[in-house]
N, C-alpha and C. Protein backbone atom coordinates (compact mmCIF):
# COMPACT_ATOMS: atom_id res chain seq x y z
N MET A 1 -9.82 -7.91 0.32
CA MET A 1 -8.49 -7.35 0.39
C MET A 1 -8.11 -7.20 1.86
N LYS A 2 -6.88 -7.53 2.18
CA LYS A 2 -6.47 -7.56 3.57
C LYS A 2 -5.53 -6.43 3.95
N LEU A 3 -5.42 -5.42 3.10
CA LEU A 3 -4.61 -4.24 3.42
C LEU A 3 -5.53 -3.09 3.78
N LYS A 4 -5.03 -2.22 4.67
CA LYS A 4 -5.81 -1.06 5.09
C LYS A 4 -4.99 0.21 4.89
N LYS A 5 -5.69 1.33 4.91
CA LYS A 5 -5.02 2.63 4.85
C LYS A 5 -4.13 2.76 6.07
N GLY A 6 -2.88 3.20 5.85
CA GLY A 6 -1.95 3.38 6.95
C GLY A 6 -1.01 2.22 7.17
N ASP A 7 -1.23 1.08 6.50
CA ASP A 7 -0.34 -0.07 6.64
C ASP A 7 1.01 0.22 5.98
N GLN A 8 2.06 -0.33 6.54
CA GLN A 8 3.39 -0.25 5.95
C GLN A 8 3.55 -1.45 5.03
N VAL A 9 3.89 -1.22 3.75
CA VAL A 9 4.01 -2.31 2.78
C VAL A 9 5.37 -2.24 2.10
N GLN A 10 5.76 -3.37 1.54
CA GLN A 10 6.99 -3.45 0.75
C GLN A 10 6.61 -3.84 -0.66
N ILE A 11 7.22 -3.19 -1.65
CA ILE A 11 6.97 -3.48 -3.05
C ILE A 11 7.77 -4.74 -3.41
N ILE A 12 7.10 -5.76 -3.94
CA ILE A 12 7.79 -7.00 -4.29
C ILE A 12 7.88 -7.21 -5.79
N ALA A 13 7.16 -6.41 -6.57
CA ALA A 13 7.22 -6.53 -8.03
C ALA A 13 6.96 -5.16 -8.64
N GLY A 14 7.52 -4.93 -9.82
CA GLY A 14 7.33 -3.67 -10.50
C GLY A 14 8.59 -2.85 -10.51
N LYS A 15 8.48 -1.60 -10.98
CA LYS A 15 9.67 -0.77 -11.09
C LYS A 15 10.18 -0.40 -9.70
N GLY A 16 11.49 -0.45 -9.57
CA GLY A 16 12.11 -0.15 -8.29
C GLY A 16 12.30 -1.35 -7.40
N ALA A 17 11.62 -2.46 -7.69
CA ALA A 17 11.72 -3.64 -6.84
C ALA A 17 12.69 -4.67 -7.43
N ALA A 18 13.27 -4.38 -8.59
CA ALA A 18 14.19 -5.33 -9.21
C ALA A 18 15.51 -5.34 -8.47
N GLY A 19 16.15 -6.48 -8.45
CA GLY A 19 17.45 -6.59 -7.80
C GLY A 19 17.33 -6.65 -6.30
N ASN A 20 18.28 -6.05 -5.60
CA ASN A 20 18.30 -6.12 -4.15
C ASN A 20 17.70 -4.88 -3.49
N LYS A 21 17.13 -3.99 -4.25
CA LYS A 21 16.59 -2.76 -3.70
C LYS A 21 15.28 -3.04 -2.95
N VAL A 22 15.18 -2.57 -1.72
CA VAL A 22 13.98 -2.74 -0.92
C VAL A 22 13.22 -1.42 -0.89
N VAL A 23 11.99 -1.43 -1.39
CA VAL A 23 11.17 -0.24 -1.45
C VAL A 23 9.98 -0.44 -0.53
N THR A 24 9.85 0.43 0.48
CA THR A 24 8.72 0.35 1.39
C THR A 24 8.00 1.68 1.40
N GLY A 25 6.74 1.65 1.80
CA GLY A 25 5.95 2.87 1.89
C GLY A 25 4.65 2.62 2.62
N LYS A 26 3.95 3.70 2.90
CA LYS A 26 2.69 3.63 3.62
C LYS A 26 1.54 3.65 2.62
N VAL A 27 0.50 2.88 2.89
CA VAL A 27 -0.68 2.84 2.04
C VAL A 27 -1.49 4.11 2.29
N LEU A 28 -1.71 4.89 1.22
CA LEU A 28 -2.47 6.13 1.33
C LEU A 28 -3.96 5.92 1.09
N LYS A 29 -4.28 5.02 0.15
CA LYS A 29 -5.67 4.79 -0.20
C LYS A 29 -5.82 3.39 -0.76
N VAL A 30 -6.96 2.76 -0.53
CA VAL A 30 -7.24 1.42 -1.01
C VAL A 30 -8.44 1.49 -1.95
N PHE A 31 -8.30 0.93 -3.14
CA PHE A 31 -9.39 0.85 -4.12
C PHE A 31 -9.88 -0.59 -4.14
N LEU A 32 -10.97 -0.88 -3.41
CA LEU A 32 -11.43 -2.26 -3.24
C LEU A 32 -11.92 -2.89 -4.54
N LYS A 33 -12.69 -2.16 -5.32
CA LYS A 33 -13.27 -2.75 -6.53
C LYS A 33 -12.22 -3.04 -7.59
N LYS A 34 -11.12 -2.30 -7.60
CA LYS A 34 -10.08 -2.49 -8.61
C LYS A 34 -8.89 -3.28 -8.09
N ASP A 35 -8.89 -3.65 -6.79
CA ASP A 35 -7.77 -4.38 -6.16
C ASP A 35 -6.46 -3.63 -6.31
N ARG A 36 -6.48 -2.34 -6.04
CA ARG A 36 -5.29 -1.51 -6.17
C ARG A 36 -5.09 -0.67 -4.92
N VAL A 37 -3.85 -0.26 -4.70
CA VAL A 37 -3.51 0.59 -3.56
C VAL A 37 -2.61 1.73 -4.01
N LEU A 38 -2.68 2.85 -3.29
CA LEU A 38 -1.76 3.97 -3.48
C LEU A 38 -0.69 3.86 -2.41
N VAL A 39 0.58 3.81 -2.83
CA VAL A 39 1.68 3.72 -1.89
C VAL A 39 2.42 5.05 -1.91
N GLU A 40 2.69 5.59 -0.72
CA GLU A 40 3.31 6.89 -0.58
C GLU A 40 4.70 6.93 -1.22
N GLY A 41 4.89 7.85 -2.16
CA GLY A 41 6.19 8.06 -2.80
C GLY A 41 6.59 7.02 -3.83
N TYR A 42 5.68 6.17 -4.26
CA TYR A 42 6.00 5.13 -5.24
C TYR A 42 5.08 5.26 -6.45
N ASN A 43 5.60 4.92 -7.63
CA ASN A 43 4.85 4.97 -8.89
C ASN A 43 4.36 6.39 -9.18
N MET A 44 5.28 7.33 -9.12
CA MET A 44 4.95 8.73 -9.35
C MET A 44 4.71 9.00 -10.84
N ILE A 45 3.64 9.74 -11.12
CA ILE A 45 3.33 10.13 -12.49
C ILE A 45 3.24 11.65 -12.54
N LYS A 46 3.31 12.20 -13.75
CA LYS A 46 3.22 13.65 -13.93
C LYS A 46 1.94 13.96 -14.69
N ARG A 47 1.20 14.93 -14.18
CA ARG A 47 -0.02 15.40 -14.82
C ARG A 47 0.16 16.85 -15.20
N HIS A 48 -0.19 17.18 -16.42
CA HIS A 48 -0.12 18.56 -16.90
C HIS A 48 -1.49 19.20 -16.70
N ARG A 49 -1.54 20.24 -15.89
CA ARG A 49 -2.80 20.88 -15.54
C ARG A 49 -2.84 22.31 -16.09
N LYS A 50 -3.98 22.66 -16.63
CA LYS A 50 -4.20 24.04 -17.07
C LYS A 50 -4.51 24.90 -15.86
N PRO A 51 -4.20 26.17 -15.93
CA PRO A 51 -4.57 27.07 -14.82
C PRO A 51 -6.10 27.18 -14.72
N THR A 52 -6.60 27.09 -13.49
CA THR A 52 -8.03 27.22 -13.23
C THR A 52 -8.21 28.24 -12.11
N SER A 53 -9.46 28.49 -11.75
CA SER A 53 -9.70 29.43 -10.66
C SER A 53 -9.26 28.83 -9.32
N LYS A 54 -9.31 27.51 -9.18
CA LYS A 54 -8.85 26.87 -7.95
C LYS A 54 -7.33 26.89 -7.84
N SER A 55 -6.66 26.57 -8.94
CA SER A 55 -5.19 26.60 -8.93
C SER A 55 -4.73 27.47 -10.10
N PRO A 56 -4.57 28.77 -9.86
CA PRO A 56 -4.22 29.67 -10.95
C PRO A 56 -2.82 29.44 -11.52
N GLN A 57 -1.97 28.73 -10.77
CA GLN A 57 -0.61 28.48 -11.25
C GLN A 57 -0.60 27.45 -12.38
N GLY A 58 -1.35 26.34 -12.23
CA GLY A 58 -1.32 25.28 -13.23
C GLY A 58 0.02 24.60 -13.22
N GLY A 59 0.44 24.02 -14.35
CA GLY A 59 1.76 23.43 -14.47
C GLY A 59 1.76 21.92 -14.37
N ILE A 60 2.92 21.36 -14.08
CA ILE A 60 3.10 19.92 -14.02
C ILE A 60 3.03 19.48 -12.56
N ILE A 61 2.11 18.58 -12.29
CA ILE A 61 1.89 18.09 -10.92
C ILE A 61 2.32 16.63 -10.85
N GLU A 62 3.13 16.29 -9.84
CA GLU A 62 3.52 14.90 -9.62
C GLU A 62 2.65 14.30 -8.54
N LYS A 63 2.14 13.09 -8.80
CA LYS A 63 1.33 12.40 -7.80
C LYS A 63 1.49 10.90 -7.96
N GLU A 64 1.05 10.15 -6.94
CA GLU A 64 1.16 8.70 -6.96
C GLU A 64 0.06 8.10 -7.83
N ALA A 65 0.39 6.99 -8.48
CA ALA A 65 -0.60 6.24 -9.24
C ALA A 65 -0.81 4.91 -8.52
N PRO A 66 -2.01 4.35 -8.62
CA PRO A 66 -2.26 3.09 -7.92
C PRO A 66 -1.52 1.92 -8.55
N ILE A 67 -1.16 0.93 -7.72
CA ILE A 67 -0.54 -0.31 -8.19
C ILE A 67 -1.38 -1.46 -7.69
N HIS A 68 -1.26 -2.60 -8.35
CA HIS A 68 -2.06 -3.77 -7.99
C HIS A 68 -1.62 -4.32 -6.65
N VAL A 69 -2.58 -4.81 -5.90
CA VAL A 69 -2.32 -5.28 -4.54
C VAL A 69 -1.43 -6.53 -4.53
N SER A 70 -1.35 -7.25 -5.62
CA SER A 70 -0.49 -8.44 -5.68
C SER A 70 0.98 -8.07 -5.74
N ASN A 71 1.30 -6.81 -6.00
CA ASN A 71 2.69 -6.37 -6.09
C ASN A 71 3.24 -5.86 -4.77
N VAL A 72 2.44 -5.91 -3.70
CA VAL A 72 2.90 -5.44 -2.40
C VAL A 72 2.66 -6.51 -1.34
N MET A 73 3.49 -6.47 -0.28
CA MET A 73 3.29 -7.34 0.88
C MET A 73 3.36 -6.49 2.14
N LEU A 74 2.57 -6.87 3.11
CA LEU A 74 2.52 -6.14 4.37
C LEU A 74 3.80 -6.35 5.16
N VAL A 75 4.30 -5.27 5.76
CA VAL A 75 5.44 -5.35 6.67
C VAL A 75 4.86 -5.45 8.08
N SER A 76 5.22 -6.50 8.80
CA SER A 76 4.70 -6.72 10.14
C SER A 76 5.16 -5.60 11.07
N PRO A 77 4.23 -4.95 11.79
CA PRO A 77 4.62 -3.84 12.66
C PRO A 77 5.49 -4.29 13.84
N LYS A 78 5.37 -5.53 14.26
CA LYS A 78 6.12 -6.01 15.43
C LYS A 78 7.53 -6.46 15.06
N SER A 79 7.65 -7.23 13.96
CA SER A 79 8.95 -7.80 13.62
C SER A 79 9.67 -7.04 12.51
N GLY A 80 8.94 -6.31 11.67
CA GLY A 80 9.55 -5.58 10.57
C GLY A 80 9.82 -6.43 9.35
N LYS A 81 9.33 -7.67 9.32
CA LYS A 81 9.52 -8.56 8.18
C LYS A 81 8.24 -8.58 7.34
N ILE A 82 8.41 -8.88 6.04
CA ILE A 82 7.23 -8.97 5.19
C ILE A 82 6.51 -10.26 5.50
N THR A 83 5.19 -10.24 5.38
CA THR A 83 4.39 -11.39 5.75
C THR A 83 3.12 -11.44 4.93
N ARG A 84 2.60 -12.64 4.79
CA ARG A 84 1.28 -12.80 4.21
C ARG A 84 0.25 -12.54 5.30
N VAL A 85 -0.94 -12.11 4.89
CA VAL A 85 -1.96 -11.72 5.84
C VAL A 85 -3.13 -12.66 5.75
N GLY A 86 -3.61 -13.09 6.92
CA GLY A 86 -4.81 -13.92 6.99
C GLY A 86 -5.83 -13.23 7.87
N ALA A 87 -7.02 -13.80 7.91
CA ALA A 87 -8.08 -13.27 8.77
C ALA A 87 -8.65 -14.43 9.57
N LYS A 88 -8.94 -14.18 10.84
CA LYS A 88 -9.55 -15.21 11.67
C LYS A 88 -10.51 -14.54 12.65
N PHE A 89 -11.39 -15.37 13.20
CA PHE A 89 -12.36 -14.88 14.17
C PHE A 89 -11.92 -15.30 15.57
N LEU A 90 -12.04 -14.39 16.52
CA LEU A 90 -11.74 -14.69 17.91
C LEU A 90 -12.97 -15.31 18.57
N GLU A 91 -12.86 -15.63 19.86
CA GLU A 91 -13.96 -16.26 20.57
C GLU A 91 -15.20 -15.38 20.64
N ASN A 92 -15.01 -14.07 20.69
CA ASN A 92 -16.13 -13.13 20.77
C ASN A 92 -16.64 -12.72 19.39
N ASN A 93 -16.34 -13.52 18.36
CA ASN A 93 -16.77 -13.29 16.97
C ASN A 93 -16.23 -12.00 16.39
N LYS A 94 -15.10 -11.54 16.88
CA LYS A 94 -14.44 -10.36 16.32
C LYS A 94 -13.43 -10.83 15.28
N LYS A 95 -13.47 -10.22 14.10
CA LYS A 95 -12.57 -10.58 13.01
C LYS A 95 -11.28 -9.77 13.12
N VAL A 96 -10.13 -10.44 13.09
CA VAL A 96 -8.84 -9.77 13.18
C VAL A 96 -7.93 -10.27 12.07
N ARG A 97 -6.97 -9.42 11.69
CA ARG A 97 -5.95 -9.82 10.74
C ARG A 97 -4.78 -10.41 11.52
N TYR A 98 -4.10 -11.38 10.90
CA TYR A 98 -2.93 -11.95 11.56
C TYR A 98 -1.87 -12.28 10.53
N SER A 99 -0.63 -12.34 11.00
CA SER A 99 0.50 -12.67 10.15
C SER A 99 0.53 -14.18 9.96
N ARG A 100 0.50 -14.64 8.72
CA ARG A 100 0.46 -16.07 8.47
C ARG A 100 1.81 -16.72 8.67
N THR A 101 2.90 -15.97 8.50
CA THR A 101 4.21 -16.55 8.70
C THR A 101 4.64 -16.53 10.16
N LEU A 102 4.26 -15.48 10.89
CA LEU A 102 4.67 -15.36 12.30
C LEU A 102 3.58 -15.77 13.28
N GLN A 103 2.35 -16.00 12.80
CA GLN A 103 1.21 -16.41 13.61
C GLN A 103 0.96 -15.43 14.76
N GLU A 104 0.95 -14.15 14.47
CA GLU A 104 0.66 -13.13 15.47
C GLU A 104 -0.37 -12.15 14.91
N GLU A 105 -1.16 -11.57 15.78
CA GLU A 105 -2.19 -10.61 15.35
C GLU A 105 -1.54 -9.32 14.89
N ILE A 106 -2.16 -8.68 13.89
CA ILE A 106 -1.61 -7.44 13.35
C ILE A 106 -2.34 -6.23 13.93
N ASP A 107 -3.64 -6.30 14.07
CA ASP A 107 -4.40 -5.13 14.55
C ASP A 107 -4.25 -4.93 16.01
């Protein structure tokens, strides 16, 4: 997977991405084994929680649910356009991510 925590991504498929609406957000967490990511403020679900000693209030809690990584694309930090991500090795054998459409390094 070529996305990291803290990357700015744009939703390209799923709810909210239909039509001309552009939905972007920051990656909060990456689930490598399931190929899913948590995007800030997107795919909100409601959980009903009983009162416990940790949270005596209980009630309905809204939180983000993970979405598949194929439904998001990285937004290039330099140009602000969505791009596909590749990986390459530099001369000193350091692995870096780069924008495949703009041919520029991301990290």
